[in-house]
C-alpha cells in the first residue's frame, strides 16, 4: 500500500516535538484537538517557528497557503500525513 505522507503516529510525534521545542518546555498531553492559539498559547511567531521546525525534521516544505489554514494540532499533523510522497533525496 502506497502512502502519501507520514504515518499519523510519526506525524503527531514530529508535531508534538516541534510544539515543545518552540514553546521551550514539555507540553503534557498534547492532543490533536488542541487549538494552537487558544489551548497552547501560540502567537504568529510561534506558528512560523513550529512550521519551520516541522519542515526541518520531516525534510519537506509546506506551502504557506496550506500552513496558514492550520488551527489545531490535528491540522498540523494532517499537513504531514497528506503530503505527497516523493523519492528520498
C-alpha atoms as a PDB file:
ATOM      1  CA  UNK A   1       0.000   0.000   0.000  1.00  0.00           C
ATOM      2  CA  UNK A   2       1.428   3.347  -1.044  1.00  0.00           C
ATOM      3  CA  UNK A   3       1.286   6.125   1.484  1.00  0.00           C
ATOM      4  CA  UNK A   4       1.085   9.774   0.563  1.00  0.00           C
ATOM      5  CA  UNK A   5       2.873  11.140   3.595  1.00  0.00           C
ATOM      6  CA  UNK A   6       3.998  10.169   7.050  1.00  0.00           C
ATOM      7  CA  UNK A   7       2.066   7.800   9.275  1.00  0.00           C
ATOM      8  CA  UNK A   8      -0.340   9.574  11.652  1.00  0.00           C
ATOM      9  CA  UNK A   9       1.716   8.389  14.622  1.00  0.00           C
ATOM     10  CA  UNK A  10       5.006   9.715  13.212  1.00  0.00           C
ATOM     11  CA  UNK A  11       3.364  12.974  12.127  1.00  0.00           C
ATOM     12  CA  UNK A  12       1.932  13.543  15.618  1.00  0.00           C
ATOM     13  CA  UNK A  13       5.337  12.769  17.145  1.00  0.00           C
ATOM     14  CA  UNK A  14       7.006  15.382  14.917  1.00  0.00           C
ATOM     15  CA  UNK A  15       4.317  17.995  15.589  1.00  0.00           C
ATOM     16  CA  UNK A  16       4.410  17.420  19.359  1.00  0.00           C
ATOM     17  CA  UNK A  17       8.208  17.688  19.440  1.00  0.00           C
ATOM     18  CA  UNK A  18       8.076  20.869  17.356  1.00  0.00           C
ATOM     19  CA  UNK A  19       5.462  22.418  19.667  1.00  0.00           C
ATOM     20  CA  UNK A  20       7.571  21.591  22.722  1.00  0.00           C
ATOM     21  CA  UNK A  21      10.709  22.960  21.058  1.00  0.00           C
ATOM     22  CA  UNK A  22       9.039  26.231  20.076  1.00  0.00           C
ATOM     23  CA  UNK A  23       7.376  26.718  23.466  1.00  0.00           C
ATOM     24  CA  UNK A  24      10.660  25.694  25.128  1.00  0.00           C
ATOM     25  CA  UNK A  25       9.040  23.341  27.623  1.00  0.00           C
ATOM     26  CA  UNK A  26       7.375  19.936  27.603  1.00  0.00           C
ATOM     27  CA  UNK A  27       3.696  20.061  26.808  1.00  0.00           C
ATOM     28  CA  UNK A  28       1.992  17.253  28.710  1.00  0.00           C
ATOM     29  CA  UNK A  29      -0.971  15.714  26.998  1.00  0.00           C
ATOM     30  CA  UNK A  30      -0.856  17.472  23.636  1.00  0.00           C
ATOM     31  CA  UNK A  31      -3.957  16.244  21.862  1.00  0.00           C
ATOM     32  CA  UNK A  32      -4.935  16.515  18.208  1.00  0.00           C
ATOM     33  CA  UNK A  33      -7.965  18.665  19.046  1.00  0.00           C
ATOM     34  CA  UNK A  34      -5.905  21.275  20.894  1.00  0.00           C
ATOM     35  CA  UNK A  35      -6.113  24.663  19.251  1.00  0.00           C
ATOM     36  CA  UNK A  36      -2.708  26.218  18.665  1.00  0.00           C
ATOM     37  CA  UNK A  37      -3.666  29.713  19.806  1.00  0.00           C
ATOM     38  CA  UNK A  38      -6.342  29.092  22.441  1.00  0.00           C
ATOM     39  CA  UNK A  39      -5.055  25.922  24.101  1.00  0.00           C
ATOM     40  CA  UNK A  40      -1.301  26.147  23.536  1.00  0.00           C
ATOM     41  CA  UNK A  41      -0.808  29.919  23.612  1.00  0.00           C
ATOM     42  CA  UNK A  42       0.638  30.255  20.115  1.00  0.00           C
ATOM     43  CA  UNK A  43       1.185  33.651  18.570  1.00  0.00           C
ATOM     44  CA  UNK A  44       2.220  34.332  14.970  1.00  0.00           C
ATOM     45  CA  UNK A  45       5.941  33.931  15.726  1.00  0.00           C
ATOM     46  CA  UNK A  46       5.343  30.572  17.431  1.00  0.00           C
ATOM     47  CA  UNK A  47       3.411  29.462  14.381  1.00  0.00           C
ATOM     48  CA  UNK A  48       6.210  30.383  11.958  1.00  0.00           C
ATOM     49  CA  UNK A  49       8.762  28.668  14.193  1.00  0.00           C
ATOM     50  CA  UNK A  50       6.742  25.458  14.536  1.00  0.00           C
ATOM     51  CA  UNK A  51       6.235  25.212  10.763  1.00  0.00           C
ATOM     52  CA  UNK A  52       9.990  25.701  10.223  1.00  0.00           C
ATOM     53  CA  UNK A  53      10.772  23.038  12.844  1.00  0.00           C
ATOM     54  CA  UNK A  54       8.316  20.583  11.291  1.00  0.00           C
ATOM     55  CA  UNK A  55       9.749  21.205   7.828  1.00  0.00           C
ATOM     56  CA  UNK A  56      13.313  20.657   9.055  1.00  0.00           C
ATOM     57  CA  UNK A  57      12.556  17.406  10.881  1.00  0.00           C
ATOM     58  CA  UNK A  58      10.244  15.981   8.209  1.00  0.00           C
ATOM     59  CA  UNK A  59      12.541  17.208   5.420  1.00  0.00           C
ATOM     60  CA  UNK A  60       9.785  18.776   3.383  1.00  0.00           C
ATOM     61  CA  UNK A  61       8.420  22.195   2.561  1.00  0.00           C
ATOM     62  CA  UNK A  62       4.852  23.054   3.466  1.00  0.00           C
ATOM     63  CA  UNK A  63       3.134  25.560   1.196  1.00  0.00           C
ATOM     64  CA  UNK A  64       2.279  28.790   3.010  1.00  0.00           C
ATOM     65  CA  UNK A  65      -1.278  28.604   1.695  1.00  0.00           C
ATOM     66  CA  UNK A  66      -1.692  25.231   3.441  1.00  0.00           C
ATOM     67  CA  UNK A  67       0.181  26.165   6.613  1.00  0.00           C
ATOM     68  CA  UNK A  68      -1.942  29.231   7.401  1.00  0.00           C
ATOM     69  CA  UNK A  69      -5.069  27.061   7.485  1.00  0.00           C
ATOM     70  CA  UNK A  70      -3.757  25.032  10.440  1.00  0.00           C
ATOM     71  CA  UNK A  71      -5.607  25.923  13.620  1.00  0.00           C
ATOM     72  CA  UNK A  72      -5.161  22.713  15.648  1.00  0.00           C
ATOM     73  CA  UNK A  73      -2.542  20.058  16.340  1.00  0.00           C
ATOM     74  CA  UNK A  74      -4.607  17.752  14.086  1.00  0.00           C
ATOM     75  CA  UNK A  75      -4.373  20.294  11.268  1.00  0.00           C
ATOM     76  CA  UNK A  76      -0.576  20.353  11.562  1.00  0.00           C
ATOM     77  CA  UNK A  77      -0.478  16.563  11.652  1.00  0.00           C
ATOM     78  CA  UNK A  78      -2.660  16.391   8.537  1.00  0.00           C
ATOM     79  CA  UNK A  79      -0.141  18.546   6.677  1.00  0.00           C
ATOM     80  CA  UNK A  80       2.356  15.706   7.143  1.00  0.00           C
ATOM     81  CA  UNK A  81       0.061  12.730   6.602  1.00  0.00           C
ATOM     82  CA  UNK A  82      -1.426  14.215   3.431  1.00  0.00           C
ATOM     83  CA  UNK A  83       1.852  15.449   1.998  1.00  0.00           C
ATOM     84  CA  UNK A  84       2.559  13.940  -1.427  1.00  0.00           C
ATOM     85  CA  UNK A  85       5.225  11.242  -1.237  1.00  0.00           C
ATOM     86  CA  UNK A  86       8.476  11.914  -3.032  1.00  0.00           C
ATOM     87  CA  UNK A  87      11.626   9.863  -3.518  1.00  0.00           C
ATOM     88  CA  UNK A  88      14.308  10.021  -0.827  1.00  0.00           C
ATOM     89  CA  UNK A  89      16.988  12.563  -1.542  1.00  0.00           C
END
